[in-house]
Amino acid sequence: MRIDKYLSSVNLVKRRTVAQDMVKSGVVFINGTQAKASKEVRVGDTIEIRYLKGSRSYKVLKIPTTKTIPKSAKEEYVEEIS
């Protein structure tokens, strides 16, 4: 699954367009390298989002098969590292 789709599917960002803008701005990193919108996310990858006031890292646990998942099921798909 593409990184922009993944971020919106697992509710890390509200909309896919926001995720696309974040990737274009260069604040999304996968396994330490800057991500492009077409970058595929795999189980075990580490996603880092660098905000203005710090950064957050997430570990990919599972890839969703649907467009969106319930917010209550977020912990099944992604784990916040820091």
N, C-alpha and C. Protein backbone atom coordinates (compact mmCIF):
# COMPACT_ATOMS: atom_id res chain seq x y z
N MET A 1 0.84 -1.17 0.00
CA MET A 1 0.00 0.00 0.00
C MET A 1 0.89 1.24 0.00
N ARG A 2 0.50 2.25 -0.74
CA ARG A 2 1.26 3.50 -0.82
C ARG A 2 1.27 4.20 0.53
N ILE A 3 2.32 4.95 0.80
CA ILE A 3 2.46 5.61 2.10
C ILE A 3 1.34 6.62 2.35
N ASP A 4 0.93 7.38 1.36
CA ASP A 4 -0.13 8.35 1.58
C ASP A 4 -1.47 7.67 1.88
N LYS A 5 -1.75 6.57 1.20
CA LYS A 5 -2.96 5.81 1.48
C LYS A 5 -2.92 5.21 2.88
N TYR A 6 -1.76 4.68 3.26
CA TYR A 6 -1.62 4.04 4.56
C TYR A 6 -1.85 5.05 5.69
N LEU A 7 -1.26 6.23 5.59
CA LEU A 7 -1.40 7.23 6.64
C LEU A 7 -2.86 7.61 6.86
N SER A 8 -3.62 7.73 5.79
CA SER A 8 -5.03 8.08 5.94
C SER A 8 -5.88 6.88 6.33
N SER A 9 -5.53 5.69 5.88
CA SER A 9 -6.32 4.50 6.20
C SER A 9 -6.27 4.14 7.67
N VAL A 10 -5.10 4.30 8.29
CA VAL A 10 -4.97 3.92 9.70
C VAL A 10 -5.18 5.12 10.64
N ASN A 11 -5.71 6.19 10.10
CA ASN A 11 -6.11 7.37 10.88
C ASN A 11 -4.95 8.11 11.54
N LEU A 12 -3.78 8.13 10.89
CA LEU A 12 -2.69 8.96 11.39
C LEU A 12 -2.88 10.41 10.93
N VAL A 13 -3.53 10.59 9.78
CA VAL A 13 -3.93 11.91 9.30
C VAL A 13 -5.39 11.83 8.88
N LYS A 14 -6.06 12.99 8.82
CA LYS A 14 -7.50 12.98 8.56
C LYS A 14 -7.86 12.64 7.12
N ARG A 15 -7.10 13.21 6.16
CA ARG A 15 -7.43 13.01 4.76
C ARG A 15 -6.19 12.62 3.96
N ARG A 16 -6.42 11.93 2.86
CA ARG A 16 -5.30 11.50 2.02
C ARG A 16 -4.58 12.69 1.40
N THR A 17 -5.31 13.75 1.08
CA THR A 17 -4.65 14.93 0.51
C THR A 17 -3.67 15.55 1.51
N VAL A 18 -4.01 15.50 2.78
CA VAL A 18 -3.10 15.99 3.82
C VAL A 18 -1.85 15.10 3.85
N ALA A 19 -2.04 13.80 3.76
CA ALA A 19 -0.91 12.87 3.73
C ALA A 19 -0.02 13.12 2.52
N GLN A 20 -0.63 13.37 1.36
CA GLN A 20 0.14 13.65 0.15
C GLN A 20 0.96 14.93 0.31
N ASP A 21 0.36 15.96 0.92
CA ASP A 21 1.08 17.21 1.15
C ASP A 21 2.25 17.01 2.11
N MET A 22 2.05 16.18 3.14
CA MET A 22 3.12 15.91 4.09
C MET A 22 4.28 15.21 3.41
N VAL A 23 3.97 14.25 2.55
CA VAL A 23 5.02 13.52 1.83
C VAL A 23 5.77 14.46 0.88
N LYS A 24 5.02 15.32 0.17
CA LYS A 24 5.64 16.29 -0.74
C LYS A 24 6.54 17.27 0.01
N SER A 25 6.13 17.63 1.22
CA SER A 25 6.91 18.59 2.02
C SER A 25 8.16 17.97 2.61
N GLY A 26 8.27 16.66 2.59
CA GLY A 26 9.47 15.99 3.06
C GLY A 26 9.52 15.75 4.56
N VAL A 27 8.36 15.63 5.19
CA VAL A 27 8.34 15.39 6.64
C VAL A 27 8.06 13.94 7.00
N VAL A 28 7.84 13.09 6.00
CA VAL A 28 7.56 11.67 6.24
C VAL A 28 8.78 10.84 5.83
N PHE A 29 9.22 9.98 6.76
CA PHE A 29 10.38 9.14 6.51
C PHE A 29 10.00 7.69 6.77
N ILE A 30 10.49 6.79 5.92
CA ILE A 30 10.28 5.35 6.11
C ILE A 30 11.65 4.72 6.29
N ASN A 31 11.83 4.06 7.42
CA ASN A 31 13.11 3.42 7.76
C ASN A 31 14.29 4.37 7.61
N GLY A 32 14.09 5.64 7.99
CA GLY A 32 15.18 6.61 7.99
C GLY A 32 15.40 7.36 6.69
N THR A 33 14.72 6.99 5.61
CA THR A 33 14.87 7.69 4.34
C THR A 33 13.59 8.44 4.00
N GLN A 34 13.76 9.59 3.38
CA GLN A 34 12.61 10.42 3.04
C GLN A 34 11.71 9.68 2.05
N ALA A 35 10.41 9.69 2.33
CA ALA A 35 9.46 8.92 1.53
C ALA A 35 8.94 9.73 0.34
N LYS A 36 8.67 9.02 -0.74
CA LYS A 36 7.96 9.59 -1.87
C LYS A 36 6.54 9.04 -1.81
N ALA A 37 5.59 9.71 -2.47
CA ALA A 37 4.19 9.31 -2.40
C ALA A 37 3.95 7.89 -2.90
N SER A 38 4.77 7.43 -3.81
CA SER A 38 4.57 6.10 -4.39
C SER A 38 5.25 5.00 -3.58
N LYS A 39 5.95 5.35 -2.50
CA LYS A 39 6.68 4.37 -1.69
C LYS A 39 5.71 3.38 -1.06
N GLU A 40 6.01 2.10 -1.20
CA GLU A 40 5.17 1.04 -0.64
C GLU A 40 5.53 0.81 0.82
N VAL A 41 4.50 0.64 1.65
CA VAL A 41 4.68 0.36 3.07
C VAL A 41 4.55 -1.15 3.27
N ARG A 42 5.45 -1.71 4.08
CA ARG A 42 5.41 -3.14 4.37
C ARG A 42 5.37 -3.35 5.87
N VAL A 43 4.93 -4.52 6.28
CA VAL A 43 4.88 -4.87 7.70
C VAL A 43 6.30 -4.84 8.26
N GLY A 44 6.48 -4.19 9.40
CA GLY A 44 7.79 -4.08 10.02
C GLY A 44 8.49 -2.76 9.75
N ASP A 45 8.00 -1.97 8.79
CA ASP A 45 8.60 -0.68 8.49
C ASP A 45 8.40 0.29 9.64
N THR A 46 9.30 1.25 9.76
CA THR A 46 9.17 2.32 10.74
C THR A 46 8.87 3.61 9.99
N ILE A 47 7.78 4.26 10.36
CA ILE A 47 7.38 5.51 9.75
C ILE A 47 7.64 6.62 10.75
N GLU A 48 8.34 7.66 10.32
CA GLU A 48 8.59 8.81 11.18
C GLU A 48 7.98 10.03 10.53
N ILE A 49 7.21 10.78 11.31
CA ILE A 49 6.62 12.03 10.84
C ILE A 49 7.23 13.15 11.67
N ARG A 50 7.90 14.07 11.00
CA ARG A 50 8.58 15.17 11.68
C ARG A 50 7.70 16.42 11.64
N TYR A 51 7.09 16.72 12.78
CA TYR A 51 6.26 17.91 12.92
C TYR A 51 7.14 19.09 13.33
N LEU A 52 6.58 20.29 13.37
CA LEU A 52 7.34 21.46 13.79
C LEU A 52 7.79 21.36 15.24
N LYS A 53 6.97 20.76 16.08
CA LYS A 53 7.28 20.67 17.51
C LYS A 53 7.82 19.30 17.91
N GLY A 54 8.45 18.60 17.02
CA GLY A 54 9.01 17.28 17.34
C GLY A 54 8.60 16.25 16.31
N SER A 55 8.98 15.02 16.58
CA SER A 55 8.65 13.96 15.63
C SER A 55 8.00 12.79 16.35
N ARG A 56 7.27 12.00 15.59
CA ARG A 56 6.65 10.78 16.11
C ARG A 56 7.01 9.63 15.18
N SER A 57 7.27 8.49 15.80
CA SER A 57 7.61 7.30 15.04
C SER A 57 6.57 6.22 15.27
N TYR A 58 6.29 5.47 14.22
CA TYR A 58 5.29 4.41 14.27
C TYR A 58 5.86 3.16 13.62
N LYS A 59 5.46 2.01 14.13
CA LYS A 59 5.84 0.73 13.53
C LYS A 59 4.62 0.13 12.85
N VAL A 60 4.78 -0.32 11.61
CA VAL A 60 3.70 -0.91 10.84
C VAL A 60 3.51 -2.35 11.31
N LEU A 61 2.33 -2.67 11.82
CA LEU A 61 2.03 -4.01 12.30
C LEU A 61 1.25 -4.83 11.28
N LYS A 62 0.42 -4.15 10.49
CA LYS A 62 -0.50 -4.82 9.59
C LYS A 62 -0.89 -3.84 8.48
N ILE A 63 -1.18 -4.34 7.31
CA ILE A 63 -1.63 -3.52 6.19
C ILE A 63 -3.14 -3.67 6.06
N PRO A 64 -3.91 -2.57 6.09
CA PRO A 64 -5.36 -2.69 5.97
C PRO A 64 -5.78 -3.15 4.57
N THR A 65 -6.87 -3.89 4.52
CA THR A 65 -7.38 -4.37 3.23
C THR A 65 -8.52 -3.49 2.72
N THR A 66 -9.02 -2.60 3.58
CA THR A 66 -10.11 -1.70 3.20
C THR A 66 -9.59 -0.27 3.15
N LYS A 67 -10.42 0.62 2.62
CA LYS A 67 -10.03 2.02 2.46
C LYS A 67 -9.79 2.69 3.81
N THR A 68 -10.65 2.43 4.77
CA THR A 68 -10.48 2.99 6.11
C THR A 68 -10.76 1.91 7.14
N ILE A 69 -10.23 2.12 8.32
CA ILE A 69 -10.48 1.20 9.43
C ILE A 69 -11.13 1.98 10.56
N PRO A 70 -11.86 1.32 11.46
CA PRO A 70 -12.42 2.03 12.62
C PRO A 70 -11.29 2.56 13.51
N LYS A 71 -11.51 3.72 14.12
CA LYS A 71 -10.49 4.31 14.98
C LYS A 71 -10.15 3.39 16.15
N SER A 72 -11.11 2.60 16.58
CA SER A 72 -10.87 1.69 17.70
C SER A 72 -9.91 0.55 17.32
N ALA A 73 -9.74 0.28 16.03
CA ALA A 73 -8.87 -0.81 15.57
C ALA A 73 -7.48 -0.32 15.16
N LYS A 74 -7.18 0.95 15.42
CA LYS A 74 -5.91 1.54 15.01
C LYS A 74 -4.71 0.79 15.59
N GLU A 75 -4.82 0.31 16.84
CA GLU A 75 -3.71 -0.36 17.50
C GLU A 75 -3.32 -1.67 16.84
N GLU A 76 -4.22 -2.26 16.06
CA GLU A 76 -3.91 -3.50 15.34
C GLU A 76 -3.00 -3.26 14.15
N TYR A 77 -3.01 -2.04 13.62
CA TYR A 77 -2.31 -1.74 12.39
C TYR A 77 -1.02 -0.96 12.58
N VAL A 78 -0.97 -0.14 13.63
CA VAL A 78 0.19 0.72 13.85
C VAL A 78 0.45 0.87 15.34
N GLU A 79 1.74 0.89 15.69
CA GLU A 79 2.15 1.04 17.08
C GLU A 79 3.04 2.27 17.19
N GLU A 80 2.71 3.18 18.11
CA GLU A 80 3.53 4.37 18.28
C GLU A 80 4.77 4.00 19.09
N ILE A 81 5.93 4.34 18.54
CA ILE A 81 7.19 4.04 19.19
C ILE A 81 7.61 5.19 20.10
N SER A 82 7.54 6.43 19.56
CA SER A 82 7.88 7.59 20.38
C SER A 82 7.11 8.80 19.94
